[in-house]
Amino acid sequence: CYICDNKIFTGDTLFFCSCGRTDFPGGSYT
């Protein structure tokens, strides 16, 4: 994630009331 001022660009880590998938290679729910 990239943080600047009061903004965070979260990519596919954090979504509105959800989060990114973890079932792709390299993914981990933990």
PDB file of all heavy atoms in Angstrom:
ATOM      1  N   CYS A   1       0.857  -1.178   0.000  1.00  0.00           N
ATOM      2  CA  CYS A   1       0.000   0.000   0.000  1.00  0.00           C
ATOM      3  C   CYS A   1       0.895   1.230   0.000  1.00  0.00           C
ATOM      4  O   CYS A   1       2.000   1.211   0.550  1.00  0.00           O
ATOM      5  CB  CYS A   1      -0.908   0.028   1.231  1.00  0.00           C
ATOM      6  SG  CYS A   1      -2.116  -1.314   1.300  1.00  0.00           S
ATOM      7  N   TYR A   2       0.411   2.280  -0.635  1.00  0.00           N
ATOM      8  CA  TYR A   2       1.135   3.547  -0.671  1.00  0.00           C
ATOM      9  C   TYR A   2       0.349   4.571   0.149  1.00  0.00           C
ATOM     10  O   TYR A   2      -0.847   4.783  -0.082  1.00  0.00           O
ATOM     11  CB  TYR A   2       1.276   4.042  -2.107  1.00  0.00           C
ATOM     12  CG  TYR A   2       2.108   3.126  -2.981  1.00  0.00           C
ATOM     13  CD1 TYR A   2       1.500   2.214  -3.839  1.00  0.00           C
ATOM     14  CD2 TYR A   2       3.497   3.171  -2.947  1.00  0.00           C
ATOM     15  CE1 TYR A   2       2.257   1.370  -4.645  1.00  0.00           C
ATOM     16  CE2 TYR A   2       4.263   2.336  -3.750  1.00  0.00           C
ATOM     17  CZ  TYR A   2       3.639   1.439  -4.598  1.00  0.00           C
ATOM     18  OH  TYR A   2       4.395   0.604  -5.392  1.00  0.00           O
ATOM     19  N   ILE A   3       1.031   5.197   1.108  1.00  0.00           N
ATOM     20  CA  ILE A   3       0.391   6.161   2.003  1.00  0.00           C
ATOM     21  C   ILE A   3       0.968   7.551   1.751  1.00  0.00           C
ATOM     22  O   ILE A   3       2.192   7.723   1.732  1.00  0.00           O
ATOM     23  CB  ILE A   3       0.609   5.784   3.481  1.00  0.00           C
ATOM     24  CG1 ILE A   3       0.075   4.378   3.765  1.00  0.00           C
ATOM     25  CG2 ILE A   3      -0.062   6.795   4.403  1.00  0.00           C
ATOM     26  CD1 ILE A   3       0.324   3.912   5.187  1.00  0.00           C
ATOM     27  N   CYS A   4       0.096   8.512   1.567  1.00  0.00           N
ATOM     28  CA  CYS A   4       0.533   9.901   1.423  1.00  0.00           C
ATOM     29  C   CYS A   4      -0.560  10.820   1.942  1.00  0.00           C
ATOM     30  O   CYS A   4      -1.742  10.635   1.618  1.00  0.00           O
ATOM     31  CB  CYS A   4       0.830  10.225  -0.037  1.00  0.00           C
ATOM     32  SG  CYS A   4       1.642  11.825  -0.287  1.00  0.00           S
ATOM     33  N   ASP A   5      -0.165  11.792   2.737  1.00  0.00           N
ATOM     34  CA  ASP A   5      -1.137  12.675   3.395  1.00  0.00           C
ATOM     35  C   ASP A   5      -2.122  11.796   4.181  1.00  0.00           C
ATOM     36  O   ASP A   5      -1.723  10.935   4.931  1.00  0.00           O
ATOM     37  CB  ASP A   5      -1.855  13.566   2.377  1.00  0.00           C
ATOM     38  CG  ASP A   5      -0.914  14.547   1.681  1.00  0.00           C
ATOM     39  OD1 ASP A   5       0.178  14.790   2.209  1.00  0.00           O
ATOM     40  OD2 ASP A   5      -1.284  15.060   0.610  1.00  0.00           O
ATOM     41  N   ASN A   6      -3.398  11.986   3.944  1.00  0.00           N
ATOM     42  CA  ASN A   6      -4.405  11.171   4.633  1.00  0.00           C
ATOM     43  C   ASN A   6      -5.039  10.176   3.669  1.00  0.00           C
ATOM     44  O   ASN A   6      -6.223   9.857   3.765  1.00  0.00           O
ATOM     45  CB  ASN A   6      -5.485  12.072   5.240  1.00  0.00           C
ATOM     46  CG  ASN A   6      -6.230  12.863   4.176  1.00  0.00           C
ATOM     47  OD1 ASN A   6      -5.725  13.059   3.069  1.00  0.00           O
ATOM     48  ND2 ASN A   6      -7.421  13.323   4.498  1.00  0.00           N
ATOM     49  N   LYS A   7      -4.228   9.657   2.738  1.00  0.00           N
ATOM     50  CA  LYS A   7      -4.723   8.766   1.701  1.00  0.00           C
ATOM     51  C   LYS A   7      -3.916   7.468   1.690  1.00  0.00           C
ATOM     52  O   LYS A   7      -2.704   7.484   1.869  1.00  0.00           O
ATOM     53  CB  LYS A   7      -4.611   9.446   0.327  1.00  0.00           C
ATOM     54  CG  LYS A   7      -5.340  10.777   0.234  1.00  0.00           C
ATOM     55  CD  LYS A   7      -4.953  11.534  -1.015  1.00  0.00           C
ATOM     56  CE  LYS A   7      -5.715  12.856  -1.132  1.00  0.00           C
ATOM     57  NZ  LYS A   7      -5.458  13.770  -0.013  1.00  0.00           N
ATOM     58  N   ILE A   8      -4.606   6.338   1.466  1.00  0.00           N
ATOM     59  CA  ILE A   8      -3.933   5.052   1.305  1.00  0.00           C
ATOM     60  C   ILE A   8      -4.439   4.403   0.017  1.00  0.00           C
ATOM     61  O   ILE A   8      -5.653   4.238  -0.171  1.00  0.00           O
ATOM     62  CB  ILE A   8      -4.190   4.096   2.474  1.00  0.00           C
ATOM     63  CG1 ILE A   8      -3.912   4.749   3.821  1.00  0.00           C
ATOM     64  CG2 ILE A   8      -3.329   2.842   2.316  1.00  0.00           C
ATOM     65  CD1 ILE A   8      -4.205   3.847   5.014  1.00  0.00           C
ATOM     66  N   PHE A   9      -3.503   4.039  -0.839  1.00  0.00           N
ATOM     67  CA  PHE A   9      -3.832   3.325  -2.076  1.00  0.00           C
ATOM     68  C   PHE A   9      -3.586   1.838  -1.799  1.00  0.00           C
ATOM     69  O   PHE A   9      -2.449   1.400  -1.656  1.00  0.00           O
ATOM     70  CB  PHE A   9      -2.982   3.868  -3.220  1.00  0.00           C
ATOM     71  CG  PHE A   9      -3.234   5.329  -3.459  1.00  0.00           C
ATOM     72  CD1 PHE A   9      -2.494   6.294  -2.776  1.00  0.00           C
ATOM     73  CD2 PHE A   9      -4.254   5.737  -4.292  1.00  0.00           C
ATOM     74  CE1 PHE A   9      -2.757   7.649  -2.951  1.00  0.00           C
ATOM     75  CE2 PHE A   9      -4.526   7.095  -4.478  1.00  0.00           C
ATOM     76  CZ  PHE A   9      -3.777   8.050  -3.800  1.00  0.00           C
ATOM     77  N   THR A  10      -4.676   1.093  -1.674  1.00  0.00           N
ATOM     78  CA  THR A  10      -4.618  -0.245  -1.068  1.00  0.00           C
ATOM     79  C   THR A  10      -4.540  -1.378  -2.076  1.00  0.00           C
ATOM     80  O   THR A  10      -4.433  -2.538  -1.666  1.00  0.00           O
ATOM     81  CB  THR A  10      -5.838  -0.469  -0.158  1.00  0.00           C
ATOM     82  OG1 THR A  10      -7.047  -0.389  -0.942  1.00  0.00           O
ATOM     83  CG2 THR A  10      -5.876   0.556   0.963  1.00  0.00           C
ATOM     84  N   GLY A  11      -4.589  -1.090  -3.369  1.00  0.00           N
ATOM     85  CA  GLY A  11      -4.514  -2.162  -4.350  1.00  0.00           C
ATOM     86  C   GLY A  11      -5.569  -3.215  -4.099  1.00  0.00           C
ATOM     87  O   GLY A  11      -6.741  -2.906  -3.856  1.00  0.00           O
ATOM     88  N   ASP A  12      -5.152  -4.488  -4.127  1.00  0.00           N
ATOM     89  CA  ASP A  12      -6.094  -5.579  -3.882  1.00  0.00           C
ATOM     90  C   ASP A  12      -5.943  -6.165  -2.480  1.00  0.00           C
ATOM     91  O   ASP A  12      -6.317  -7.311  -2.230  1.00  0.00           O
ATOM     92  CB  ASP A  12      -5.917  -6.677  -4.934  1.00  0.00           C
ATOM     93  CG  ASP A  12      -6.470  -6.272  -6.295  1.00  0.00           C
ATOM     94  OD1 ASP A  12      -6.886  -5.111  -6.448  1.00  0.00           O
ATOM     95  OD2 ASP A  12      -6.461  -7.116  -7.211  1.00  0.00           O
ATOM     96  N   THR A  13      -5.393  -5.376  -1.578  1.00  0.00           N
ATOM     97  CA  THR A  13      -5.325  -5.804  -0.182  1.00  0.00           C
ATOM     98  C   THR A  13      -6.643  -5.538   0.528  1.00  0.00           C
ATOM     99  O   THR A  13      -7.212  -6.423   1.173  1.00  0.00           O
ATOM    100  CB  THR A  13      -4.187  -5.078   0.560  1.00  0.00           C
ATOM    101  OG1 THR A  13      -2.943  -5.435  -0.034  1.00  0.00           O
ATOM    102  CG2 THR A  13      -4.167  -5.448   2.039  1.00  0.00           C
ATOM    103  N   LEU A  14      -7.155  -4.334   0.399  1.00  0.00           N
ATOM    104  CA  LEU A  14      -8.344  -3.910   1.148  1.00  0.00           C
ATOM    105  C   LEU A  14      -9.350  -3.269   0.205  1.00  0.00           C
ATOM    106  O   LEU A  14      -9.016  -2.346  -0.534  1.00  0.00           O
ATOM    107  CB  LEU A  14      -7.934  -2.908   2.233  1.00  0.00           C
ATOM    108  CG  LEU A  14      -9.036  -2.233   3.031  1.00  0.00           C
ATOM    109  CD1 LEU A  14      -9.912  -3.251   3.750  1.00  0.00           C
ATOM    110  CD2 LEU A  14      -8.433  -1.245   4.038  1.00  0.00           C
ATOM    111  N   PHE A  15     -10.575  -3.802   0.233  1.00  0.00           N
ATOM    112  CA  PHE A  15     -11.685  -3.261  -0.540  1.00  0.00           C
ATOM    113  C   PHE A  15     -12.780  -2.764   0.415  1.00  0.00           C
ATOM    114  O   PHE A  15     -12.729  -3.012   1.619  1.00  0.00           O
ATOM    115  CB  PHE A  15     -12.306  -4.341  -1.447  1.00  0.00           C
ATOM    116  CG  PHE A  15     -11.374  -4.934  -2.450  1.00  0.00           C
ATOM    117  CD1 PHE A  15     -11.359  -6.310  -2.662  1.00  0.00           C
ATOM    118  CD2 PHE A  15     -10.517  -4.146  -3.202  1.00  0.00           C
ATOM    119  CE1 PHE A  15     -10.520  -6.884  -3.595  1.00  0.00           C
ATOM    120  CE2 PHE A  15      -9.669  -4.706  -4.143  1.00  0.00           C
ATOM    121  CZ  PHE A  15      -9.667  -6.070  -4.347  1.00  0.00           C
ATOM    122  N   PHE A  16     -13.787  -2.134  -0.156  1.00  0.00           N
ATOM    123  CA  PHE A  16     -14.965  -1.729   0.601  1.00  0.00           C
ATOM    124  C   PHE A  16     -15.609  -2.968   1.213  1.00  0.00           C
ATOM    125  O   PHE A  16     -16.094  -3.859   0.506  1.00  0.00           O
ATOM    126  CB  PHE A  16     -15.950  -1.010  -0.323  1.00  0.00           C
ATOM    127  CG  PHE A  16     -17.259  -0.655   0.326  1.00  0.00           C
ATOM    128  CD1 PHE A  16     -17.360   0.463   1.139  1.00  0.00           C
ATOM    129  CD2 PHE A  16     -18.376  -1.442   0.117  1.00  0.00           C
ATOM    130  CE1 PHE A  16     -18.567   0.794   1.740  1.00  0.00           C
ATOM    131  CE2 PHE A  16     -19.589  -1.115   0.709  1.00  0.00           C
ATOM    132  CZ  PHE A  16     -19.677   0.003   1.524  1.00  0.00           C
ATOM    133  N   CYS A  17     -15.549  -3.070   2.542  1.00  0.00           N
ATOM    134  CA  CYS A  17     -16.139  -4.177   3.300  1.00  0.00           C
ATOM    135  C   CYS A  17     -15.645  -5.552   2.852  1.00  0.00           C
ATOM    136  O   CYS A  17     -16.343  -6.570   3.022  1.00  0.00           O
ATOM    137  CB  CYS A  17     -17.673  -4.125   3.233  1.00  0.00           C
ATOM    138  SG  CYS A  17     -18.367  -2.808   4.255  1.00  0.00           S
ATOM    139  N   SER A  18     -14.455  -5.595   2.291  1.00  0.00           N
ATOM    140  CA  SER A  18     -13.929  -6.865   1.819  1.00  0.00           C
ATOM    141  C   SER A  18     -12.406  -6.787   1.725  1.00  0.00           C
ATOM    142  O   SER A  18     -11.792  -5.810   2.165  1.00  0.00           O
ATOM    143  CB  SER A  18     -14.539  -7.212   0.452  1.00  0.00           C
ATOM    144  OG  SER A  18     -14.184  -8.527   0.060  1.00  0.00           O
ATOM    145  N   CYS A  19     -11.813  -7.834   1.148  1.00  0.00           N
ATOM    146  CA  CYS A  19     -10.364  -7.850   0.946  1.00  0.00           C
ATOM    147  C   CYS A  19     -10.064  -8.679  -0.291  1.00  0.00           C
ATOM    148  O   CYS A  19     -10.950  -9.312  -0.872  1.00  0.00           O
ATOM    149  CB  CYS A  19      -9.643  -8.411   2.167  1.00  0.00           C
ATOM    150  SG  CYS A  19      -9.946 -10.168   2.481  1.00  0.00           S
ATOM    151  N   GLY A  20      -8.810  -8.683  -0.694  1.00  0.00           N
ATOM    152  CA  GLY A  20      -8.416  -9.389  -1.899  1.00  0.00           C
ATOM    153  C   GLY A  20      -8.466 -10.898  -1.745  1.00  0.00           C
ATOM    154  O   GLY A  20      -8.378 -11.443  -0.636  1.00  0.00           O
ATOM    155  N   ARG A  21      -8.582 -11.574  -2.883  1.00  0.00           N
ATOM    156  CA  ARG A  21      -8.561 -13.031  -2.899  1.00  0.00           C
ATOM    157  C   ARG A  21      -7.204 -13.547  -2.437  1.00  0.00           C
ATOM    158  O   ARG A  21      -6.175 -12.915  -2.657  1.00  0.00           O
ATOM    159  CB  ARG A  21      -8.845 -13.540  -4.311  1.00  0.00           C
ATOM    160  CG  ARG A  21     -10.256 -13.302  -4.774  1.00  0.00           C
ATOM    161  CD  ARG A  21     -10.449 -13.739  -6.210  1.00  0.00           C
ATOM    162  NE  ARG A  21     -10.181 -15.170  -6.392  1.00  0.00           N
ATOM    163  CZ  ARG A  21     -10.503 -15.850  -7.503  1.00  0.00           C
ATOM    164  NH1 ARG A  21     -11.094 -15.213  -8.512  1.00  0.00           N
ATOM    165  NH2 ARG A  21     -10.225 -17.140  -7.606  1.00  0.00           N
ATOM    166  N   THR A  22      -7.223 -14.725  -1.847  1.00  0.00           N
ATOM    167  CA  THR A  22      -5.974 -15.319  -1.369  1.00  0.00           C
ATOM    168  C   THR A  22      -5.735 -16.714  -1.949  1.00  0.00           C
ATOM    169  O   THR A  22      -4.839 -17.430  -1.510  1.00  0.00           O
ATOM    170  CB  THR A  22      -5.974 -15.410   0.168  1.00  0.00           C
ATOM    171  OG1 THR A  22      -7.077 -16.223   0.602  1.00  0.00           O
ATOM    172  CG2 THR A  22      -6.091 -14.032   0.793  1.00  0.00           C
ATOM    173  N   ASP A  23      -6.537 -17.093  -2.963  1.00  0.00           N
ATOM    174  CA  ASP A  23      -6.429 -18.440  -3.521  1.00  0.00           C
ATOM    175  C   ASP A  23      -5.550 -18.513  -4.762  1.00  0.00           C
ATOM    176  O   ASP A  23      -5.440 -19.569  -5.388  1.00  0.00           O
ATOM    177  CB  ASP A  23      -7.819 -19.002  -3.824  1.00  0.00           C
ATOM    178  CG  ASP A  23      -8.633 -18.126  -4.770  1.00  0.00           C
ATOM    179  OD1 ASP A  23      -8.346 -16.912  -4.868  1.00  0.00           O
ATOM    180  OD2 ASP A  23      -9.566 -18.646  -5.414  1.00  0.00           O
ATOM    181  N   PHE A  24      -4.915 -17.406  -5.133  1.00  0.00           N
ATOM    182  CA  PHE A  24      -3.957 -17.424  -6.232  1.00  0.00           C
ATOM    183  C   PHE A  24      -2.582 -17.832  -5.704  1.00  0.00           C
ATOM    184  O   PHE A  24      -2.326 -17.742  -4.498  1.00  0.00           O
ATOM    185  CB  PHE A  24      -3.866 -16.044  -6.891  1.00  0.00           C
ATOM    186  CG  PHE A  24      -5.125 -15.592  -7.574  1.00  0.00           C
ATOM    187  CD1 PHE A  24      -5.627 -14.317  -7.340  1.00  0.00           C
ATOM    188  CD2 PHE A  24      -5.799 -16.417  -8.458  1.00  0.00           C
ATOM    189  CE1 PHE A  24      -6.780 -13.873  -7.974  1.00  0.00           C
ATOM    190  CE2 PHE A  24      -6.958 -15.988  -9.092  1.00  0.00           C
ATOM    191  CZ  PHE A  24      -7.445 -14.720  -8.848  1.00  0.00           C
ATOM    192  N   PRO A  25      -1.682 -18.255  -6.600  1.00  0.00           N
ATOM    193  CA  PRO A  25      -0.316 -18.553  -6.153  1.00  0.00           C
ATOM    194  C   PRO A  25       0.298 -17.369  -5.409  1.00  0.00           C
ATOM    195  O   PRO A  25       0.203 -16.224  -5.851  1.00  0.00           O
ATOM    196  CB  PRO A  25       0.431 -18.822  -7.466  1.00  0.00           C
ATOM    197  CG  PRO A  25      -0.627 -19.330  -8.396  1.00  0.00           C
ATOM    198  CD  PRO A  25      -1.861 -18.548  -8.045  1.00  0.00           C
ATOM    199  N   GLY A  26       0.898 -17.661  -4.260  1.00  0.00           N
ATOM    200  CA  GLY A  26       1.488 -16.590  -3.449  1.00  0.00           C
ATOM    201  C   GLY A  26       0.526 -15.960  -2.474  1.00  0.00           C
ATOM    202  O   GLY A  26       0.926 -15.147  -1.640  1.00  0.00           O
ATOM    203  N   GLY A  27      -0.741 -16.309  -2.572  1.00  0.00           N
ATOM    204  CA  GLY A  27      -1.737 -15.753  -1.669  1.00  0.00           C
ATOM    205  C   GLY A  27      -1.749 -16.471  -0.332  1.00  0.00           C
ATOM    206  O   GLY A  27      -1.370 -17.638  -0.227  1.00  0.00           O
ATOM    207  N   SER A  28      -2.196 -15.765   0.684  1.00  0.00           N
ATOM    208  CA  SER A  28      -2.276 -16.355   2.017  1.00  0.00           C
ATOM    209  C   SER A  28      -3.342 -15.630   2.826  1.00  0.00           C
ATOM    210  O   SER A  28      -3.237 -14.416   3.048  1.00  0.00           O
ATOM    211  CB  SER A  28      -0.928 -16.259   2.741  1.00  0.00           C
ATOM    212  OG  SER A  28      -1.072 -16.527   4.122  1.00  0.00           O
ATOM    213  N   TYR A  29      -4.358 -16.371   3.277  1.00  0.00           N
ATOM    214  CA  TYR A  29      -5.394 -15.753   4.092  1.00  0.00           C
ATOM    215  C   TYR A  29      -4.817 -15.246   5.409  1.00  0.00           C
ATOM    216  O   TYR A  29      -5.150 -14.149   5.868  1.00  0.00           O
ATOM    217  CB  TYR A  29      -6.528 -16.747   4.352  1.00  0.00           C
ATOM    218  CG  TYR A  29      -7.653 -16.155   5.167  1.00  0.00           C
ATOM    219  CD1 TYR A  29      -8.573 -15.281   4.577  1.00  0.00           C
ATOM    220  CD2 TYR A  29      -7.778 -16.426   6.523  1.00  0.00           C
ATOM    221  CE1 TYR A  29      -9.597 -14.717   5.324  1.00  0.00           C
ATOM    222  CE2 TYR A  29      -8.797 -15.874   7.271  1.00  0.00           C
ATOM    223  CZ  TYR A  29      -9.697 -15.015   6.675  1.00  0.00           C
ATOM    224  OH  TYR A  29     -10.702 -14.450   7.410  1.00  0.00           O
ATOM    225  N   THR A  30      -3.936 -16.036   6.012  1.00  0.00           N
ATOM    226  CA  THR A  30      -3.313 -15.621   7.270  1.00  0.00           C
ATOM    227  C   THR A  30      -2.561 -14.308   7.090  1.00  0.00           C
ATOM    228  O   THR A  30      -2.672 -13.398   7.924  1.00  0.00           O
ATOM    229  CB  THR A  30      -2.346 -16.705   7.782  1.00  0.00           C
ATOM    230  OG1 THR A  30      -3.083 -17.909   8.006  1.00  0.00           O
ATOM    231  CG2 THR A  30      -1.682 -16.262   9.073  1.00  0.00           C
TER     232      THR A  30
END
